[in-house]
Protein backbone atom coordinates (compact mmCIF):
# COMPACT_ATOMS: atom_id res chain seq x y z
CA MET A 1 88.64 5.15 107.30
CA PHE A 2 86.31 7.91 106.13
CA THR A 3 83.66 5.35 105.19
CA LEU A 4 83.86 3.74 108.64
CA LEU A 5 83.50 7.10 110.39
CA ARG A 6 80.54 8.05 108.18
CA ASN A 7 78.78 4.75 108.89
CA ALA A 8 79.43 5.14 112.64
CA ALA A 9 77.95 8.63 112.55
CA LEU A 10 74.87 7.40 110.69
CA CYS A 11 74.42 4.56 113.17
CA SER A 12 74.52 7.00 116.07
CA LEU A 13 72.00 9.27 114.39
CA TRP A 14 69.61 6.53 113.20
CA PRO A 15 67.81 5.96 116.54
CA LYS A 16 67.10 9.69 116.74
CA ILE A 17 65.86 9.80 113.16
CA ALA A 18 63.72 6.69 113.65
CA MET A 19 62.31 7.99 116.94
CA SER A 20 61.53 11.33 115.33
CA THR A 21 59.58 9.56 112.56
CA ILE A 22 57.73 7.41 115.09
CA ASN A 23 56.90 10.46 117.20
CA ARG A 24 55.49 12.31 114.19
CA ARG A 25 53.30 9.32 113.32
CA ALA A 26 52.17 8.97 116.95
CA LEU A 27 51.36 12.68 117.08
CA THR A 28 49.34 12.40 113.87
CA MET A 29 47.48 9.36 115.25
CA THR A 30 46.81 11.10 118.58
CA THR A 31 45.50 14.20 116.83
CA LYS A 32 43.22 12.06 114.69
CA LEU A 33 41.93 10.10 117.69
CA LEU A 34 41.24 13.31 119.63
CA LYS A 35 39.31 14.67 116.69
CA ASN A 36 37.36 11.45 116.35
CA THR A 37 36.58 11.54 120.07
CA LEU A 38 34.73 14.78 119.43
CA ASP A 39 33.05 13.17 116.41
CA GLU A 40 32.18 10.06 118.48
CA LYS A 41 33.85 7.88 115.84
CA ALA A 42 36.83 5.68 116.66
CA SER A 43 38.80 5.39 113.43
CA TYR A 44 41.51 3.08 114.72
CA PRO A 45 43.56 1.49 111.91
CA GLY A 46 42.18 -1.95 112.83
CA ALA A 47 38.50 -0.91 112.91
CA THR A 48 37.90 2.22 110.86
CA GLU A 49 34.10 2.09 111.06
CA SER A 50 33.86 1.75 114.84
CA TYR A 51 32.39 4.41 117.12
CA PHE A 52 32.71 5.30 120.79
CA THR A 53 30.12 4.32 123.37
CA THR A 54 29.76 4.47 127.14
CA GLU A 55 27.84 1.19 127.21
CA MET A 56 29.96 -1.87 128.01
CA LYS A 57 28.46 -4.73 126.01
CA PHE A 58 29.80 -8.07 124.81
CA ILE A 59 28.47 -8.99 121.37
CA GLN A 60 27.71 -12.65 120.88
CA SER A 61 25.65 -12.47 117.70
CA ILE A 62 24.05 -10.19 115.13
CA ALA A 63 20.69 -10.46 113.38
CA PRO A 64 20.34 -13.75 111.43
CA ILE A 65 21.32 -13.50 107.78
CA PRO A 66 18.26 -14.04 105.54
CA THR A 67 18.07 -16.70 102.82
CA TYR A 68 17.29 -15.37 99.34
CA ARG A 69 14.85 -17.36 97.22
CA VAL A 70 12.85 -16.88 94.02
CA MET A 71 10.52 -19.90 94.04
CA ASP A 72 8.60 -21.52 96.86
CA LEU A 73 8.62 -25.29 97.42
CA HIS A 74 5.99 -25.73 94.69
CA GLY A 75 7.92 -23.90 91.98
CA LYS A 76 5.81 -20.75 92.24
CA VAL A 77 7.66 -17.44 91.84
CA ILE A 78 7.18 -15.38 95.00
CA ASP A 79 8.16 -11.98 93.60
CA PRO A 80 7.74 -11.62 89.80
CA THR A 81 10.50 -8.99 89.69
CA GLN A 82 12.99 -11.66 90.76
CA GLU A 83 12.09 -14.15 88.03
CA PRO A 84 14.92 -14.27 85.47
CA GLN A 85 14.00 -13.48 81.90
CA VAL A 86 15.51 -16.45 80.09
CA SER A 87 14.78 -18.33 76.90
CA LYS A 88 13.01 -21.66 76.64
CA GLU A 89 16.21 -23.37 75.49
CA PHE A 90 18.20 -21.90 78.37
CA ALA A 91 15.78 -23.14 81.04
CA VAL A 92 15.33 -26.57 79.49
CA LYS A 93 19.11 -27.09 79.20
CA ILE A 94 19.50 -26.53 82.93
CA TYR A 95 16.71 -29.02 83.64
CA LYS A 96 18.06 -31.64 81.25
CA ASP A 97 21.52 -31.36 82.81
CA MET A 98 20.03 -31.81 86.30
CA ILE A 99 18.23 -34.96 85.12
CA THR A 100 21.31 -36.26 83.29
CA LEU A 101 23.48 -35.71 86.37
CA ASN A 102 20.96 -37.58 88.52
CA ILE A 103 20.88 -40.58 86.17
CA MET A 104 24.67 -40.63 85.74
CA ASP A 105 25.06 -40.63 89.53
CA PHE A 106 22.79 -43.67 89.80
CA ILE A 107 24.68 -45.60 87.12
CA LEU A 108 28.17 -44.85 88.46
CA TYR A 109 27.17 -45.43 92.08
CA GLU A 110 25.91 -48.89 91.09
CA ALA A 111 29.08 -49.46 89.05
CA GLN A 112 31.14 -48.89 92.20
CA ARG A 113 28.96 -51.29 94.17
CA GLN A 114 29.56 -53.89 91.47
CA GLY A 115 33.32 -53.41 91.75
CA ARG A 116 33.72 -51.83 88.31
CA ILE A 117 35.17 -48.57 89.69
CA SER A 118 36.88 -47.92 93.01
CA PHE A 119 35.07 -44.82 94.31
CA TYR A 120 32.21 -42.41 93.60
CA MET A 121 30.30 -39.44 95.04
CA THR A 122 26.77 -38.48 94.05
CA ASN A 123 24.97 -35.12 93.90
CA TYR A 124 21.54 -36.21 95.12
CA GLY A 125 19.58 -33.33 96.59
CA GLU A 126 22.05 -30.64 95.50
CA GLU A 127 21.52 -30.50 91.73
CA ALA A 128 20.32 -26.88 91.78
CA TYR A 129 23.94 -25.66 91.90
CA ILE A 130 23.91 -26.10 88.12
CA GLY A 131 22.18 -22.73 88.17
CA SER A 132 25.49 -21.20 89.22
CA ALA A 133 27.22 -22.70 86.18
CA ALA A 134 24.58 -21.13 83.95
CA ALA A 135 25.35 -17.68 85.40
CA LEU A 136 29.07 -17.80 84.58
CA ASP A 137 31.02 -17.01 81.43
CA SER A 138 32.72 -19.96 79.78
CA GLN A 139 36.09 -18.26 80.30
CA ASP A 140 35.60 -17.95 84.06
CA VAL A 141 37.90 -20.44 85.77
CA ILE A 142 36.45 -23.08 88.10
CA TYR A 143 38.10 -24.48 91.23
CA GLY A 144 35.93 -27.33 92.44
CA GLN A 145 35.81 -29.71 95.36
CA TYR A 146 34.01 -33.05 94.96
CA ARG A 147 30.40 -32.41 94.04
CA GLU A 148 30.64 -30.08 91.05
CA SER A 149 30.39 -32.55 88.17
CA GLY A 150 27.18 -30.74 87.16
CA VAL A 151 29.24 -27.63 86.37
CA LEU A 152 31.41 -29.63 83.99
CA LEU A 153 28.32 -31.25 82.46
CA TYR A 154 26.81 -27.83 81.80
CA ARG A 155 30.05 -26.63 80.15
CA GLY A 156 30.16 -29.55 77.75
CA PHE A 157 32.06 -32.35 79.48
CA THR A 158 30.62 -35.43 77.79
CA LEU A 159 29.32 -38.62 79.37
CA ASP A 160 32.24 -40.41 77.72
CA ASN A 161 34.62 -37.98 79.49
CA PHE A 162 33.01 -38.77 82.84
CA MET A 163 33.13 -42.52 82.25
CA ASN A 164 36.73 -42.48 81.03
CA GLN A 165 37.84 -40.61 84.13
CA CYS A 166 35.97 -42.81 86.60
CA TYR A 167 37.17 -45.99 84.91
CA SER A 168 40.73 -44.60 84.61
CA ASN A 169 41.13 -45.94 81.09
CA GLU A 170 43.45 -44.89 78.27
CA ASN A 171 40.93 -42.33 76.98
CA ASP A 172 40.86 -40.43 80.26
CA ILE A 173 42.11 -36.84 79.89
CA GLY A 174 44.23 -37.34 83.01
CA LYS A 175 45.58 -40.67 81.74
CA GLY A 176 44.21 -42.54 84.74
CA ARG A 177 46.48 -40.76 87.22
CA GLN A 178 43.62 -39.50 89.41
CA MET A 179 41.12 -41.42 91.50
CA PRO A 180 37.48 -41.36 90.28
CA ILE A 181 35.48 -38.07 90.32
CA HIS A 182 38.69 -35.99 90.34
CA TYR A 183 37.81 -34.36 87.03
CA GLY A 184 39.64 -31.61 85.22
CA SER A 185 39.52 -29.94 81.83
CA LYS A 186 41.84 -27.26 80.48
CA GLU A 187 39.52 -26.74 77.52
CA LEU A 188 36.56 -26.01 79.82
CA ASN A 189 38.58 -23.92 82.32
CA PHE A 190 37.99 -26.39 85.13
CA GLN A 191 41.02 -26.95 87.35
CA THR A 192 41.64 -30.59 88.25
CA ILE A 193 40.10 -31.58 91.57
CA SER A 194 42.44 -32.67 94.36
CA SER A 195 41.58 -34.76 97.43
CA PRO A 196 42.95 -32.63 100.31
CA VAL A 197 40.11 -30.55 101.73
CA ALA A 198 40.12 -26.77 101.09
CA THR A 199 43.39 -26.55 99.14
CA GLN A 200 41.52 -25.01 96.21
CA LEU A 201 40.49 -21.97 98.28
CA PRO A 202 43.84 -20.11 98.58
CA GLN A 203 44.68 -21.26 95.05
CA ALA A 204 41.51 -19.56 93.84
CA SER A 205 42.42 -16.30 95.57
CA GLY A 206 45.88 -16.32 94.00
CA ALA A 207 44.51 -17.14 90.56
CA ALA A 208 41.94 -14.36 90.90
CA TYR A 209 44.65 -11.85 91.75
CA ALA A 210 46.62 -12.93 88.68
CA LEU A 211 43.46 -12.63 86.61
CA LYS A 212 42.95 -9.07 87.86
CA ARG A 213 46.56 -8.18 87.00
CA SER A 214 46.05 -9.55 83.48
CA GLY A 215 43.18 -7.14 82.86
CA LYS A 216 40.76 -9.86 81.71
CA LYS A 217 37.06 -9.37 82.38
CA ASN A 218 36.58 -12.72 84.05
CA CYS A 219 36.44 -14.14 87.54
CA ILE A 220 37.30 -17.27 89.50
CA MET A 221 34.54 -19.49 90.89
CA CYS A 222 35.58 -21.60 93.86
CA TYR A 223 33.25 -24.30 95.18
CA PHE A 224 33.60 -25.91 98.61
CA GLY A 225 31.52 -27.54 101.32
CA GLU A 226 30.83 -26.05 104.73
CA GLY A 227 33.20 -28.60 106.26
CA ALA A 228 36.08 -27.05 104.30
CA ALA A 229 35.33 -23.75 106.06
CA SER A 230 36.76 -25.30 109.23
CA GLU A 231 40.18 -25.48 107.59
CA GLY A 232 42.78 -22.73 107.94
CA ASP A 233 42.97 -22.44 104.14
CA PHE A 234 39.43 -21.02 104.14
CA HIS A 235 40.39 -18.09 106.34
CA SER A 236 43.63 -17.41 104.48
CA ALA A 237 41.79 -17.41 101.16
CA LEU A 238 39.08 -14.98 102.25
CA ASN A 239 41.52 -12.61 103.92
CA VAL A 240 43.79 -12.47 100.85
CA ALA A 241 40.84 -12.03 98.50
CA ALA A 242 39.40 -9.21 100.61
CA THR A 243 42.61 -7.25 101.14
CA MET A 244 43.85 -7.69 97.57
CA LYS A 245 40.41 -7.13 96.01
CA CYS A 246 40.44 -10.34 94.00
CA PRO A 247 37.66 -11.13 91.49
CA VAL A 248 36.61 -14.44 93.05
CA ILE A 249 33.30 -15.99 94.07
CA PHE A 250 33.45 -18.42 97.00
CA PHE A 251 30.48 -20.75 96.57
CA CYS A 252 29.80 -22.69 99.77
CA ARG A 253 27.53 -25.73 99.50
CA ASN A 254 26.19 -25.96 103.05
CA ASN A 255 24.51 -29.36 102.82
CA GLY A 256 24.26 -30.09 106.52
CA PHE A 257 27.14 -32.55 106.94
CA ALA A 258 30.93 -32.62 106.76
CA ILE A 259 31.03 -36.35 106.03
CA SER A 260 29.47 -37.57 109.32
CA THR A 261 29.69 -34.35 111.33
CA PRO A 262 26.43 -32.34 111.31
CA THR A 263 26.62 -28.56 111.07
CA LEU A 264 25.43 -28.12 114.66
CA GLU A 265 28.67 -29.78 115.77
CA GLN A 266 30.88 -27.92 113.28
CA TYR A 267 30.22 -24.34 114.35
CA LYS A 268 28.03 -22.21 116.58
CA GLY A 269 27.79 -19.01 114.54
CA ASP A 270 25.26 -18.08 111.85
CA GLY A 271 26.43 -20.47 109.18
CA ILE A 272 29.33 -19.73 106.87
CA ALA A 273 27.94 -16.47 105.51
CA SER A 274 28.63 -14.60 108.77
CA ARG A 275 32.34 -15.27 108.31
CA GLY A 276 32.38 -13.45 104.99
CA ILE A 277 31.01 -10.34 106.67
CA GLY A 278 33.79 -10.60 109.26
CA TYR A 279 36.37 -10.46 106.48
CA GLY A 280 34.69 -7.48 104.81
CA ILE A 281 33.46 -9.52 101.86
CA ASP A 282 30.15 -9.03 100.05
CA THR A 283 28.04 -11.93 101.27
CA ILE A 284 24.72 -13.53 100.41
CA ARG A 285 22.87 -16.65 101.56
CA VAL A 286 20.55 -18.38 99.11
CA ASP A 287 18.10 -21.25 98.97
CA GLY A 288 20.39 -23.87 97.45
CA ASN A 289 17.47 -25.96 96.18
CA ASP A 290 16.09 -23.04 94.18
CA VAL A 291 17.75 -22.99 90.75
CA TRP A 292 16.76 -19.41 90.01
CA ALA A 293 17.90 -18.10 93.39
CA VAL A 294 21.30 -19.69 92.80
CA TYR A 295 21.38 -18.35 89.24
CA ASN A 296 20.41 -14.77 90.17
CA ALA A 297 22.82 -14.58 93.10
CA THR A 298 25.74 -15.97 91.08
CA LYS A 299 25.04 -13.62 88.19
CA ALA A 300 25.03 -10.61 90.53
CA ALA A 301 28.12 -11.89 92.35
CA ARG A 302 29.96 -12.24 89.06
CA GLN A 303 29.16 -8.64 88.14
CA LEU A 304 30.60 -7.43 91.45
CA SER A 305 33.74 -9.51 90.99
CA VAL A 306 34.40 -8.64 87.37
CA GLU A 307 33.35 -4.99 87.28
CA GLU A 308 34.47 -3.89 90.75
CA HIS A 309 37.09 -6.49 91.71
CA ARG A 310 35.14 -7.42 94.84
CA PRO A 311 35.24 -10.96 96.21
CA VAL A 312 31.89 -12.52 97.11
CA LEU A 313 30.92 -15.30 99.51
CA LEU A 314 27.77 -17.11 98.46
CA GLU A 315 26.36 -19.65 100.92
CA SER A 316 23.98 -22.12 99.28
CA MET A 317 21.72 -23.83 101.83
CA THR A 318 20.78 -27.36 100.82
CA TYR A 319 20.64 -30.93 102.12
CA ARG A 320 22.85 -33.88 101.21
CA VAL A 321 20.42 -36.67 100.44
CA SER A 322 23.16 -39.11 99.46
CA HIS A 323 25.83 -40.75 101.54
CA HIS A 324 29.01 -38.67 101.60
CA SER A 325 30.61 -41.16 99.22
CA THR A 326 30.64 -44.86 98.45
CA SER A 327 32.96 -45.22 101.46
CA ASP A 328 30.31 -43.84 103.81
CA ASP A 329 27.11 -45.19 105.38
CA SER A 330 25.21 -42.09 106.45
CA PHE A 331 22.55 -44.12 108.25
CA ALA A 332 25.12 -44.70 110.97
CA TYR A 333 24.72 -41.06 112.02
CA ARG A 334 21.28 -40.03 110.71
CA SER A 335 17.96 -41.79 110.29
CA LYS A 336 16.41 -42.97 107.04
CA LYS A 337 13.27 -41.13 108.11
CA GLU A 338 15.17 -37.84 108.09
CA VAL A 339 16.50 -38.45 104.58
CA GLU A 340 13.08 -39.44 103.25
CA TYR A 341 11.58 -36.33 104.81
CA TRP A 342 13.99 -34.06 102.95
CA LYS A 343 13.55 -35.96 99.67
CA GLN A 344 9.81 -35.40 99.82
CA LEU A 345 9.94 -31.90 101.28
CA ASP A 346 12.28 -30.18 98.84
CA ASN A 347 13.65 -31.90 95.76
CA PRO A 348 15.37 -29.28 93.56
CA ILE A 349 14.61 -31.19 90.36
CA VAL A 350 10.91 -31.52 91.19
CA ARG A 351 10.68 -27.86 92.19
CA PHE A 352 12.25 -26.71 88.93
CA ARG A 353 10.07 -29.05 86.89
CA LYS A 354 6.96 -27.52 88.48
CA TRP A 355 8.20 -24.09 87.44
CA LEU A 356 8.72 -25.33 83.88
CA GLU A 357 5.26 -26.91 83.78
CA ASP A 358 3.72 -23.55 84.66
CA LYS A 359 5.30 -21.96 81.60
CA VAL A 360 3.28 -21.98 78.39
CA PHE A 361 6.40 -22.59 76.32
CA PHE A 362 7.15 -25.90 78.05
CA PHE A 363 6.66 -28.91 75.77
CA ILE A 364 7.62 -32.46 76.60
CA LYS A 365 9.51 -32.79 73.30
CA PHE A 366 12.29 -30.59 74.68
CA LEU A 367 12.98 -33.16 77.37
CA ILE A 368 13.51 -36.02 74.95
């Protein structure tokens, strides 16, 4: 009986206690707002950096986000202070991997056309992203989408590994359970690729949070295309990473098309980079056909993520020269003239080769 009476008394008092607490919080908030009114700063909980104004103005856009680059279209360094100080072997390895990736793409694309494998996706026009792989530590964990085979190649995935996976034979690491180009390697810290678009994004945020809790000085690198940024998973991933301060780099390959949908029909805002700013994430846009711009930006992004537990959104601007996949005919929605224009205007392999040729240490024997 005593217990029942005590509980009844507590129940009758609880609304008063709760209301008293709420009133104290409201009073504190009101006092703070009044103070900020005098300071002309509106520190509301949902927008702590806002300020008061008497001008009523709807904001539709902000200043365009610039695109960071190191080399011009001819491989000339624009600002010498931005040129990375790397060894001959380091630079030549990146170039050799870009060439190897290009040749492998040609062979496997033709293999699919001959009916030897069921599916394939090439990297034509986007090979400079290998610069991002060069900027990472081997223990940094990769979450890829479809066009990151160059990252695996740089980390040591052999041509036999690629062939075994695409042919789904008994030597495949995944035992033939995945469709072609869905690579994965525990040894190389590369999570197995999955077909559903954007699923790797929230997974990367969660893995980054776990990595932070473990105390390891590494980060997560998550690659995705600009089309994946239209998925809800993209927004969930960035919001979690920002609020939980996860050491993750979101690397967006903005290549102009989400399969057949051009970017102008995907969004109206200033690319994908502007969304990172909206989530309070350190953001940078780079020339995605400039190997050194990609390398420098990724290296700096990794330092922010590892040392300060700050997520970074890196938007790499490039152009998809190839069809989306062997299941796609891109000339149904763009002209051959447009593709040829981009191939001649800005080929990342040619641009990097011109840079190498300008270096006195470059000898043809290193390419053999």
